Amino acid sequence: HVCSDPAERIAELKAEWAEATGDNPDDYQLSEDDWSVGLGDDGARE
């Protein structure tokens, strides 16, 4: 295993959240509970 760039992974997760919620995550200060709405618990934790 070779780790991917964390910034790339953050961008992927933000895009996934945006697609699931129809909102831009950069417009908010999101808590882990907020992230879990679009990413599920594991994605939010990640």
All heavy atoms as atom14 arrays in JSON, in Angstrom:
{
  "sequence": "HVCSDPAERIAELKAEWAEATGDNPDDYQLSEDDWSVGLGDDGARE",
  "atom14_mask": [
    [1, 1, 1, 1, 1, 1, 1, 1, 1, 1, 0, 0, 0, 0],
    [1, 1, 1, 1, 1, 1, 1, 0, 0, 0, 0, 0, 0, 0],
    [1, 1, 1, 1, 1, 1, 0, 0, 0, 0, 0, 0, 0, 0],
    [1, 1, 1, 1, 1, 1, 0, 0, 0, 0, 0, 0, 0, 0],
    [1, 1, 1, 1, 1, 1, 1, 1, 0, 0, 0, 0, 0, 0],
    [1, 1, 1, 1, 1, 1, 1, 0, 0, 0, 0, 0, 0, 0],
    [1, 1, 1, 1, 1, 0, 0, 0, 0, 0, 0, 0, 0, 0],
    [1, 1, 1, 1, 1, 1, 1, 1, 1, 0, 0, 0, 0, 0],
    [1, 1, 1, 1, 1, 1, 1, 1, 1, 1, 1, 0, 0, 0],
    [1, 1, 1, 1, 1, 1, 1, 1, 0, 0, 0, 0, 0, 0],
    [1, 1, 1, 1, 1, 0, 0, 0, 0, 0, 0, 0, 0, 0],
    [1, 1, 1, 1, 1, 1, 1, 1, 1, 0, 0, 0, 0, 0],
    [1, 1, 1, 1, 1, 1, 1, 1, 0, 0, 0, 0, 0, 0],
    [1, 1, 1, 1, 1, 1, 1, 1, 1, 0, 0, 0, 0, 0],
    [1, 1, 1, 1, 1, 0, 0, 0, 0, 0, 0, 0, 0, 0],
    [1, 1, 1, 1, 1, 1, 1, 1, 1, 0, 0, 0, 0, 0],
    [1, 1, 1, 1, 1, 1, 1, 1, 1, 1, 1, 1, 1, 1],
    [1, 1, 1, 1, 1, 0, 0, 0, 0, 0, 0, 0, 0, 0],
    [1, 1, 1, 1, 1, 1, 1, 1, 1, 0, 0, 0, 0, 0],
    [1, 1, 1, 1, 1, 0, 0, 0, 0, 0, 0, 0, 0, 0],
    [1, 1, 1, 1, 1, 1, 1, 0, 0, 0, 0, 0, 0, 0],
    [1, 1, 1, 1, 0, 0, 0, 0, 0, 0, 0, 0, 0, 0],
    [1, 1, 1, 1, 1, 1, 1, 1, 0, 0, 0, 0, 0, 0],
    [1, 1, 1, 1, 1, 1, 1, 1, 0, 0, 0, 0, 0, 0],
    [1, 1, 1, 1, 1, 1, 1, 0, 0, 0, 0, 0, 0, 0],
    [1, 1, 1, 1, 1, 1, 1, 1, 0, 0, 0, 0, 0, 0],
    [1, 1, 1, 1, 1, 1, 1, 1, 0, 0, 0, 0, 0, 0],
    [1, 1, 1, 1, 1, 1, 1, 1, 1, 1, 1, 1, 0, 0],
    [1, 1, 1, 1, 1, 1, 1, 1, 1, 0, 0, 0, 0, 0],
    [1, 1, 1, 1, 1, 1, 1, 1, 0, 0, 0, 0, 0, 0],
    [1, 1, 1, 1, 1, 1, 0, 0, 0, 0, 0, 0, 0, 0],
    [1, 1, 1, 1, 1, 1, 1, 1, 1, 0, 0, 0, 0, 0],
    [1, 1, 1, 1, 1, 1, 1, 1, 0, 0, 0, 0, 0, 0],
    [1, 1, 1, 1, 1, 1, 1, 1, 0, 0, 0, 0, 0, 0],
    [1, 1, 1, 1, 1, 1, 1, 1, 1, 1, 1, 1, 1, 1],
    [1, 1, 1, 1, 1, 1, 0, 0, 0, 0, 0, 0, 0, 0],
    [1, 1, 1, 1, 1, 1, 1, 0, 0, 0, 0, 0, 0, 0],
    [1, 1, 1, 1, 0, 0, 0, 0, 0, 0, 0, 0, 0, 0],
    [1, 1, 1, 1, 1, 1, 1, 1, 0, 0, 0, 0, 0, 0],
    [1, 1, 1, 1, 0, 0, 0, 0, 0, 0, 0, 0, 0, 0],
    [1, 1, 1, 1, 1, 1, 1, 1, 0, 0, 0, 0, 0, 0],
    [1, 1, 1, 1, 1, 1, 1, 1, 0, 0, 0, 0, 0, 0],
    [1, 1, 1, 1, 0, 0, 0, 0, 0, 0, 0, 0, 0, 0],
    [1, 1, 1, 1, 1, 0, 0, 0, 0, 0, 0, 0, 0, 0],
    [1, 1, 1, 1, 1, 1, 1, 1, 1, 1, 1, 0, 0, 0],
    [1, 1, 1, 1, 1, 1, 1, 1, 1, 0, 0, 0, 0, 0]
  ],
  "atom14_positions": [
    [[0.82, -1.22, 0.0], [0.0, 0.0, 0.0], [0.85, 1.27, 0.0], [1.8, 1.39, 0.76], [-0.92, 0.01, 1.22], [-1.69, 1.27, 1.37], [-2.68, 1.64, 0.49], [-1.6, 2.26, 2.28], [-3.18, 2.81, 0.88], [-2.53, 3.21, 1.96], [0.0, 0.0, 0.0], [0.0, 0.0, 0.0], [0.0, 0.0, 0.0], [0.0, 0.0, 0.0]],
    [[0.5, 2.2, -0.85], [1.11, 3.53, -0.89], [-0.01, 4.53, -0.64], [-1.03, 4.53, -1.36], [1.78, 3.81, -2.25], [2.34, 5.22, -2.29], [2.85, 2.77, -2.54], [0.0, 0.0, 0.0], [0.0, 0.0, 0.0], [0.0, 0.0, 0.0], [0.0, 0.0, 0.0], [0.0, 0.0, 0.0], [0.0, 0.0, 0.0], [0.0, 0.0, 0.0]],
    [[0.14, 5.34, 0.38], [-0.91, 6.3, 0.73], [-1.12, 7.31, -0.39], [-0.16, 7.79, -0.99], [-0.54, 7.07, 2.0], [-0.63, 6.09, 3.5], [0.0, 0.0, 0.0], [0.0, 0.0, 0.0], [0.0, 0.0, 0.0], [0.0, 0.0, 0.0], [0.0, 0.0, 0.0], [0.0, 0.0, 0.0], [0.0, 0.0, 0.0], [0.0, 0.0, 0.0]],
    [[-2.37, 7.62, -0.61], [-2.69, 8.68, -1.55], [-2.47, 10.02, -0.84], [-2.34, 10.08, 0.37], [-4.14, 8.56, -2.01], [-5.01, 8.72, -0.91], [0.0, 0.0, 0.0], [0.0, 0.0, 0.0], [0.0, 0.0, 0.0], [0.0, 0.0, 0.0], [0.0, 0.0, 0.0], [0.0, 0.0, 0.0], [0.0, 0.0, 0.0], [0.0, 0.0, 0.0]],
    [[-2.46, 11.06, -1.6], [-2.31, 12.4, -1.05], [-3.56, 12.73, -0.23], [-4.67, 12.66, -0.74], [-2.16, 13.39, -2.21], [-2.0, 14.82, -1.76], [-2.01, 15.09, -0.55], [-1.85, 15.68, -2.64], [0.0, 0.0, 0.0], [0.0, 0.0, 0.0], [0.0, 0.0, 0.0], [0.0, 0.0, 0.0], [0.0, 0.0, 0.0], [0.0, 0.0, 0.0]],
    [[-3.41, 13.05, 1.08], [-4.58, 13.35, 1.91], [-5.46, 14.46, 1.32], [-6.68, 14.4, 1.43], [-3.98, 13.77, 3.25], [-2.64, 13.17, 3.28], [-2.17, 13.13, 1.86], [0.0, 0.0, 0.0], [0.0, 0.0, 0.0], [0.0, 0.0, 0.0], [0.0, 0.0, 0.0], [0.0, 0.0, 0.0], [0.0, 0.0, 0.0], [0.0, 0.0, 0.0]],
    [[-4.85, 15.44, 0.67], [-5.65, 16.53, 0.08], [-6.56, 16.0, -1.03], [-7.71, 16.43, -1.16], [-4.73, 17.62, -0.46], [0.0, 0.0, 0.0], [0.0, 0.0, 0.0], [0.0, 0.0, 0.0], [0.0, 0.0, 0.0], [0.0, 0.0, 0.0], [0.0, 0.0, 0.0], [0.0, 0.0, 0.0], [0.0, 0.0, 0.0], [0.0, 0.0, 0.0]],
    [[-6.05, 15.04, -1.79], [-6.88, 14.42, -2.84], [-8.04, 13.66, -2.22], [-9.17, 13.73, -2.7], [-6.05, 13.48, -3.7], [-5.09, 14.18, -4.64], [-4.26, 13.19, -5.45], [-4.7, 12.03, -5.63], [-3.18, 13.58, -5.91], [0.0, 0.0, 0.0], [0.0, 0.0, 0.0], [0.0, 0.0, 0.0], [0.0, 0.0, 0.0], [0.0, 0.0, 0.0]],
    [[-7.76, 12.93, -1.15], [-8.81, 12.14, -0.5], [-9.85, 13.06, 0.13], [-11.06, 12.79, 0.06], [-8.2, 11.21, 0.54], [-9.2, 10.32, 1.22], [-9.82, 9.34, 0.26], [-10.78, 8.49, 0.96], [-11.93, 8.08, 0.46], [-12.25, 8.36, -0.79], [-12.74, 7.35, 1.17], [0.0, 0.0, 0.0], [0.0, 0.0, 0.0], [0.0, 0.0, 0.0]],
    [[-9.42, 14.15, 0.73], [-10.36, 15.12, 1.3], [-11.26, 15.67, 0.21], [-12.48, 15.78, 0.38], [-9.61, 16.26, 2.04], [-8.97, 15.71, 3.32], [-10.54, 17.43, 2.35], [-7.98, 16.66, 3.98], [0.0, 0.0, 0.0], [0.0, 0.0, 0.0], [0.0, 0.0, 0.0], [0.0, 0.0, 0.0], [0.0, 0.0, 0.0], [0.0, 0.0, 0.0]],
    [[-10.68, 16.01, -0.94], [-11.46, 16.53, -2.07], [-12.49, 15.5, -2.55], [-13.64, 15.84, -2.85], [-10.54, 16.95, -3.2], [0.0, 0.0, 0.0], [0.0, 0.0, 0.0], [0.0, 0.0, 0.0], [0.0, 0.0, 0.0], [0.0, 0.0, 0.0], [0.0, 0.0, 0.0], [0.0, 0.0, 0.0], [0.0, 0.0, 0.0], [0.0, 0.0, 0.0]],
    [[-12.07, 14.22, -2.6], [-13.0, 13.15, -3.01], [-14.17, 13.05, -2.04], [-15.33, 12.93, -2.46], [-12.28, 11.81, -3.06], [-11.3, 11.64, -4.19], [-10.49, 10.34, -4.06], [-10.78, 9.52, -3.15], [-9.57, 10.17, -4.86], [0.0, 0.0, 0.0], [0.0, 0.0, 0.0], [0.0, 0.0, 0.0], [0.0, 0.0, 0.0], [0.0, 0.0, 0.0]],
    [[-13.87, 13.07, -0.74], [-14.92, 12.95, 0.26], [-15.84, 14.17, 0.25], [-17.06, 14.03, 0.4], [-14.31, 12.73, 1.65], [-13.67, 11.36, 1.86], [-12.84, 11.36, 3.14], [-14.72, 10.27, 1.91], [0.0, 0.0, 0.0], [0.0, 0.0, 0.0], [0.0, 0.0, 0.0], [0.0, 0.0, 0.0], [0.0, 0.0, 0.0], [0.0, 0.0, 0.0]],
    [[-15.28, 15.36, 0.07], [-16.11, 16.56, -0.02], [-17.05, 16.49, -1.23], [-18.22, 16.85, -1.15], [-15.25, 17.82, -0.11], [-14.63, 18.23, 1.21], [-13.85, 19.52, 1.06], [-13.34, 20.04, 2.38], [-12.66, 21.35, 2.23], [0.0, 0.0, 0.0], [0.0, 0.0, 0.0], [0.0, 0.0, 0.0], [0.0, 0.0, 0.0], [0.0, 0.0, 0.0]],
    [[-16.52, 16.01, -2.36], [-17.35, 15.87, -3.57], [-18.46, 14.84, -3.34], [-19.6, 15.05, -3.78], [-16.48, 15.47, -4.76], [0.0, 0.0, 0.0], [0.0, 0.0, 0.0], [0.0, 0.0, 0.0], [0.0, 0.0, 0.0], [0.0, 0.0, 0.0], [0.0, 0.0, 0.0], [0.0, 0.0, 0.0], [0.0, 0.0, 0.0], [0.0, 0.0, 0.0]],
    [[-18.13, 13.76, -2.66], [-19.14, 12.74, -2.35], [-20.23, 13.31, -1.45], [-21.42, 13.08, -1.66], [-18.45, 11.56, -1.67], [-19.33, 10.36, -1.42], [-18.58, 9.21, -0.78], [-17.37, 9.02, -1.06], [-19.21, 8.49, 0.02], [0.0, 0.0, 0.0], [0.0, 0.0, 0.0], [0.0, 0.0, 0.0], [0.0, 0.0, 0.0], [0.0, 0.0, 0.0]],
    [[-19.83, 14.09, -0.43], [-20.79, 14.71, 0.46], [-21.67, 15.7, -0.3], [-22.88, 15.73, -0.13], [-20.07, 15.42, 1.61], [-20.98, 15.97, 2.68], [-21.44, 15.3, 3.76], [-21.54, 17.28, 2.74], [-22.26, 16.12, 4.51], [-22.34, 17.34, 3.89], [-21.45, 18.41, 1.93], [-23.03, 18.49, 4.27], [-22.14, 19.55, 2.29], [-22.92, 19.58, 3.45]],
    [[-21.04, 16.51, -1.16], [-21.78, 17.51, -1.95], [-22.81, 16.82, -2.86], [-23.95, 17.29, -2.98], [-20.82, 18.36, -2.77], [0.0, 0.0, 0.0], [0.0, 0.0, 0.0], [0.0, 0.0, 0.0], [0.0, 0.0, 0.0], [0.0, 0.0, 0.0], [0.0, 0.0, 0.0], [0.0, 0.0, 0.0], [0.0, 0.0, 0.0], [0.0, 0.0, 0.0]],
    [[-22.41, 15.72, -3.48], [-23.33, 15.0, -4.36], [-24.5, 14.41, -3.57], [-25.65, 14.46, -4.02], [-22.58, 13.88, -5.08], [-23.44, 13.15, -6.1], [-22.66, 12.11, -6.87], [-21.45, 12.3, -7.12], [-23.28, 11.09, -7.23], [0.0, 0.0, 0.0], [0.0, 0.0, 0.0], [0.0, 0.0, 0.0], [0.0, 0.0, 0.0], [0.0, 0.0, 0.0]],
    [[-24.22, 13.9, -2.38], [-25.27, 13.29, -1.56], [-26.23, 14.31, -0.97], [-27.41, 14.03, -0.79], [-24.63, 12.45, -0.45], [0.0, 0.0, 0.0], [0.0, 0.0, 0.0], [0.0, 0.0, 0.0], [0.0, 0.0, 0.0], [0.0, 0.0, 0.0], [0.0, 0.0, 0.0], [0.0, 0.0, 0.0], [0.0, 0.0, 0.0], [0.0, 0.0, 0.0]],
    [[-25.72, 15.51, -0.66], [-26.54, 16.5, 0.03], [-27.02, 17.64, -0.86], [-27.93, 18.38, -0.49], [-25.76, 17.12, 1.21], [-24.62, 17.82, 0.7], [-25.34, 16.05, 2.22], [0.0, 0.0, 0.0], [0.0, 0.0, 0.0], [0.0, 0.0, 0.0], [0.0, 0.0, 0.0], [0.0, 0.0, 0.0], [0.0, 0.0, 0.0], [0.0, 0.0, 0.0]],
    [[-26.35, 17.82, -2.01], [-26.7, 18.95, -2.88], [-26.19, 20.28, -2.35], [-26.68, 21.34, -2.74], [0.0, 0.0, 0.0], [0.0, 0.0, 0.0], [0.0, 0.0, 0.0], [0.0, 0.0, 0.0], [0.0, 0.0, 0.0], [0.0, 0.0, 0.0], [0.0, 0.0, 0.0], [0.0, 0.0, 0.0], [0.0, 0.0, 0.0], [0.0, 0.0, 0.0]],
    [[-25.23, 20.24, -1.47], [-24.7, 21.45, -0.84], [-23.18, 21.47, -0.94], [-22.56, 20.45, -1.21], [-25.11, 21.47, 0.63], [-25.71, 22.79, 1.06], [-25.39, 23.82, 0.44], [-26.5, 22.79, 2.01], [0.0, 0.0, 0.0], [0.0, 0.0, 0.0], [0.0, 0.0, 0.0], [0.0, 0.0, 0.0], [0.0, 0.0, 0.0], [0.0, 0.0, 0.0]],
    [[-22.58, 22.63, -0.72], [-21.13, 22.78, -0.76], [-20.57, 22.72, 0.66], [-20.86, 23.61, 1.47], [-20.76, 24.11, -1.43], [-19.27, 24.32, -1.56], [-18.47, 23.57, -1.01], [-18.89, 25.35, -2.28], [0.0, 0.0, 0.0], [0.0, 0.0, 0.0], [0.0, 0.0, 0.0], [0.0, 0.0, 0.0], [0.0, 0.0, 0.0], [0.0, 0.0, 0.0]],
    [[-19.75, 21.72, 0.98], [-19.25, 21.6, 2.36], [-18.34, 22.75, 2.77], [-18.2, 23.02, 3.97], [-18.49, 20.27, 2.35], [-18.12, 20.04, 0.93], [-19.23, 20.66, 0.12], [0.0, 0.0, 0.0], [0.0, 0.0, 0.0], [0.0, 0.0, 0.0], [0.0, 0.0, 0.0], [0.0, 0.0, 0.0], [0.0, 0.0, 0.0], [0.0, 0.0, 0.0]],
    [[-17.74, 23.44, 1.81], [-16.86, 24.56, 2.14], [-17.62, 25.78, 2.65], [-17.03, 26.71, 3.18], [-16.0, 24.94, 0.94], [-14.99, 23.84, 0.59], [-14.53, 23.14, 1.52], [-14.69, 23.68, -0.6], [0.0, 0.0, 0.0], [0.0, 0.0, 0.0], [0.0, 0.0, 0.0], [0.0, 0.0, 0.0], [0.0, 0.0, 0.0], [0.0, 0.0, 0.0]],
    [[-18.94, 25.76, 2.51], [-19.77, 26.86, 2.99], [-20.11, 26.73, 4.48], [-20.76, 27.61, 5.04], [-21.08, 26.94, 2.2], [-20.86, 27.37, 0.76], [-19.79, 27.93, 0.45], [-21.78, 27.14, -0.06], [0.0, 0.0, 0.0], [0.0, 0.0, 0.0], [0.0, 0.0, 0.0], [0.0, 0.0, 0.0], [0.0, 0.0, 0.0], [0.0, 0.0, 0.0]],
    [[-19.7, 25.62, 5.1], [-20.1, 25.32, 6.48], [-18.91, 24.88, 7.32], [-17.92, 24.42, 6.8], [-21.15, 24.19, 6.51], [-22.35, 24.47, 5.66], [-22.43, 23.96, 4.37], [-23.39, 25.25, 6.13], [-23.53, 24.21, 3.57], [-24.51, 25.51, 5.34], [-24.56, 24.98, 4.06], [-25.65, 25.24, 3.28], [0.0, 0.0, 0.0], [0.0, 0.0, 0.0]],
    [[-19.07, 24.98, 8.62], [-18.15, 24.38, 9.6], [-18.84, 23.1, 10.05], [-19.7, 23.11, 10.92], [-17.94, 25.35, 10.78], [-16.95, 24.88, 11.79], [-15.52, 24.99, 11.29], [-15.24, 25.71, 10.34], [-14.63, 24.26, 11.92], [0.0, 0.0, 0.0], [0.0, 0.0, 0.0], [0.0, 0.0, 0.0], [0.0, 0.0, 0.0], [0.0, 0.0, 0.0]],
    [[-18.51, 21.97, 9.41], [-19.25, 20.73, 9.62], [-18.7, 19.9, 10.77], [-17.48, 19.76, 10.91], [-19.23, 19.89, 8.33], [-19.89, 20.55, 7.12], [-19.62, 19.73, 5.87], [-21.37, 20.71, 7.34], [0.0, 0.0, 0.0], [0.0, 0.0, 0.0], [0.0, 0.0, 0.0], [0.0, 0.0, 0.0], [0.0, 0.0, 0.0], [0.0, 0.0, 0.0]],
    [[-19.61, 19.35, 11.56], [-19.23, 18.43, 12.63], [-19.2, 17.02, 12.05], [-19.63, 16.78, 10.91], [-20.27, 18.48, 13.75], [-21.5, 17.93, 13.29], [0.0, 0.0, 0.0], [0.0, 0.0, 0.0], [0.0, 0.0, 0.0], [0.0, 0.0, 0.0], [0.0, 0.0, 0.0], [0.0, 0.0, 0.0], [0.0, 0.0, 0.0], [0.0, 0.0, 0.0]],
    [[-18.72, 16.07, 12.82], [-18.7, 14.69, 12.36], [-20.12, 14.21, 12.06], [-20.34, 13.49, 11.09], [-18.04, 13.78, 13.4], [-17.79, 12.38, 12.9], [-16.88, 11.56, 13.79], [-16.04, 12.12, 14.51], [-17.03, 10.32, 13.75], [0.0, 0.0, 0.0], [0.0, 0.0, 0.0], [0.0, 0.0, 0.0], [0.0, 0.0, 0.0], [0.0, 0.0, 0.0]],
    [[-21.09, 14.64, 12.86], [-22.49, 14.27, 12.6], [-22.96, 14.84, 11.27], [-23.69, 14.18, 10.52], [-23.4, 14.76, 13.72], [-23.26, 13.94, 15.0], [-22.78, 12.79, 14.91], [-23.63, 14.45, 16.06], [0.0, 0.0, 0.0], [0.0, 0.0, 0.0], [0.0, 0.0, 0.0], [0.0, 0.0, 0.0], [0.0, 0.0, 0.0], [0.0, 0.0, 0.0]],
    [[-22.57, 16.07, 10.96], [-22.95, 16.68, 9.68], [-22.35, 15.9, 8.51], [-23.03, 15.65, 7.51], [-22.48, 18.14, 9.61], [-23.13, 19.03, 10.65], [-24.29, 18.8, 11.0], [-22.45, 19.97, 11.11], [0.0, 0.0, 0.0], [0.0, 0.0, 0.0], [0.0, 0.0, 0.0], [0.0, 0.0, 0.0], [0.0, 0.0, 0.0], [0.0, 0.0, 0.0]],
    [[-21.08, 15.54, 8.63], [-20.42, 14.78, 7.56], [-21.09, 13.44, 7.35], [-21.19, 12.94, 6.23], [-18.94, 14.56, 7.88], [-18.07, 15.76, 7.67], [-17.41, 16.46, 8.64], [-17.73, 16.4, 6.43], [-16.69, 17.5, 8.08], [-16.87, 17.47, 6.71], [-18.08, 16.17, 5.11], [-16.35, 18.31, 5.75], [-17.56, 17.0, 4.13], [-16.71, 18.05, 4.45]],
    [[-21.57, 12.82, 8.44], [-22.15, 11.47, 8.35], [-23.44, 11.46, 7.54], [-23.81, 10.43, 6.99], [-22.38, 10.87, 9.74], [-23.4, 11.55, 10.42], [0.0, 0.0, 0.0], [0.0, 0.0, 0.0], [0.0, 0.0, 0.0], [0.0, 0.0, 0.0], [0.0, 0.0, 0.0], [0.0, 0.0, 0.0], [0.0, 0.0, 0.0], [0.0, 0.0, 0.0]],
    [[-24.11, 12.6, 7.41], [-25.33, 12.67, 6.61], [-25.05, 12.27, 5.17], [-25.81, 11.52, 4.56], [-25.95, 14.09, 6.67], [-27.1, 14.22, 5.69], [-26.4, 14.41, 8.08], [0.0, 0.0, 0.0], [0.0, 0.0, 0.0], [0.0, 0.0, 0.0], [0.0, 0.0, 0.0], [0.0, 0.0, 0.0], [0.0, 0.0, 0.0], [0.0, 0.0, 0.0]],
    [[-23.94, 12.72, 4.61], [-23.62, 12.41, 3.22], [-22.6, 11.31, 3.04], [-22.5, 10.72, 1.96], [0.0, 0.0, 0.0], [0.0, 0.0, 0.0], [0.0, 0.0, 0.0], [0.0, 0.0, 0.0], [0.0, 0.0, 0.0], [0.0, 0.0, 0.0], [0.0, 0.0, 0.0], [0.0, 0.0, 0.0], [0.0, 0.0, 0.0], [0.0, 0.0, 0.0]],
    [[-21.83, 11.0, 4.11], [-20.73, 10.05, 3.96], [-20.89, 8.77, 4.78], [-20.11, 7.85, 4.62], [-19.41, 10.71, 4.38], [-18.95, 11.91, 3.58], [-17.68, 12.5, 4.2], [-18.72, 11.54, 2.13], [0.0, 0.0, 0.0], [0.0, 0.0, 0.0], [0.0, 0.0, 0.0], [0.0, 0.0, 0.0], [0.0, 0.0, 0.0], [0.0, 0.0, 0.0]],
    [[-21.87, 8.73, 5.65], [-21.98, 7.6, 6.57], [-20.98, 7.78, 7.7], [-20.12, 8.67, 7.66], [0.0, 0.0, 0.0], [0.0, 0.0, 0.0], [0.0, 0.0, 0.0], [0.0, 0.0, 0.0], [0.0, 0.0, 0.0], [0.0, 0.0, 0.0], [0.0, 0.0, 0.0], [0.0, 0.0, 0.0], [0.0, 0.0, 0.0], [0.0, 0.0, 0.0]],
    [[-21.09, 6.95, 8.71], [-20.25, 7.1, 9.91], [-18.76, 6.93, 9.62], [-17.94, 7.7, 10.1], [-20.68, 6.13, 11.0], [-22.05, 6.47, 11.58], [-22.47, 7.64, 11.44], [-22.68, 5.58, 12.17], [0.0, 0.0, 0.0], [0.0, 0.0, 0.0], [0.0, 0.0, 0.0], [0.0, 0.0, 0.0], [0.0, 0.0, 0.0], [0.0, 0.0, 0.0]],
    [[-18.4, 5.91, 8.82], [-16.98, 5.67, 8.54], [-16.38, 6.8, 7.71], [-15.27, 7.25, 7.96], [-16.77, 4.33, 7.82], [-16.97, 3.14, 8.74], [-16.96, 3.33, 9.97], [-17.14, 2.02, 8.23], [0.0, 0.0, 0.0], [0.0, 0.0, 0.0], [0.0, 0.0, 0.0], [0.0, 0.0, 0.0], [0.0, 0.0, 0.0], [0.0, 0.0, 0.0]],
    [[-17.11, 7.27, 6.72], [-16.64, 8.37, 5.88], [-16.49, 9.65, 6.68], [-15.54, 10.41, 6.49], [0.0, 0.0, 0.0], [0.0, 0.0, 0.0], [0.0, 0.0, 0.0], [0.0, 0.0, 0.0], [0.0, 0.0, 0.0], [0.0, 0.0, 0.0], [0.0, 0.0, 0.0], [0.0, 0.0, 0.0], [0.0, 0.0, 0.0], [0.0, 0.0, 0.0]],
    [[-17.44, 9.88, 7.6], [-17.38, 11.07, 8.45], [-16.15, 11.01, 9.35], [-15.42, 12.0, 9.47], [-18.65, 11.18, 9.28], [0.0, 0.0, 0.0], [0.0, 0.0, 0.0], [0.0, 0.0, 0.0], [0.0, 0.0, 0.0], [0.0, 0.0, 0.0], [0.0, 0.0, 0.0], [0.0, 0.0, 0.0], [0.0, 0.0, 0.0], [0.0, 0.0, 0.0]],
    [[-15.92, 9.85, 9.94], [-14.75, 9.68, 10.81], [-13.47, 9.9, 10.01], [-12.55, 10.57, 10.46], [-14.76, 8.27, 11.42], [-13.74, 8.06, 12.49], [-13.86, 6.68, 13.16], [-15.22, 6.28, 13.46], [-15.88, 5.3, 12.81], [-15.31, 4.63, 11.85], [-17.11, 4.99, 13.14], [0.0, 0.0, 0.0], [0.0, 0.0, 0.0], [0.0, 0.0, 0.0]],
    [[-13.44, 9.35, 8.79], [-12.26, 9.48, 7.95], [-11.96, 10.93, 7.6], [-10.83, 11.4, 7.75], [-12.44, 8.67, 6.66], [-11.3, 8.77, 5.71], [-11.54, 8.04, 4.39], [-12.56, 7.33, 4.24], [-10.68, 8.19, 3.5], [0.0, 0.0, 0.0], [0.0, 0.0, 0.0], [0.0, 0.0, 0.0], [0.0, 0.0, 0.0], [0.0, 0.0, 0.0]]
  ]
}
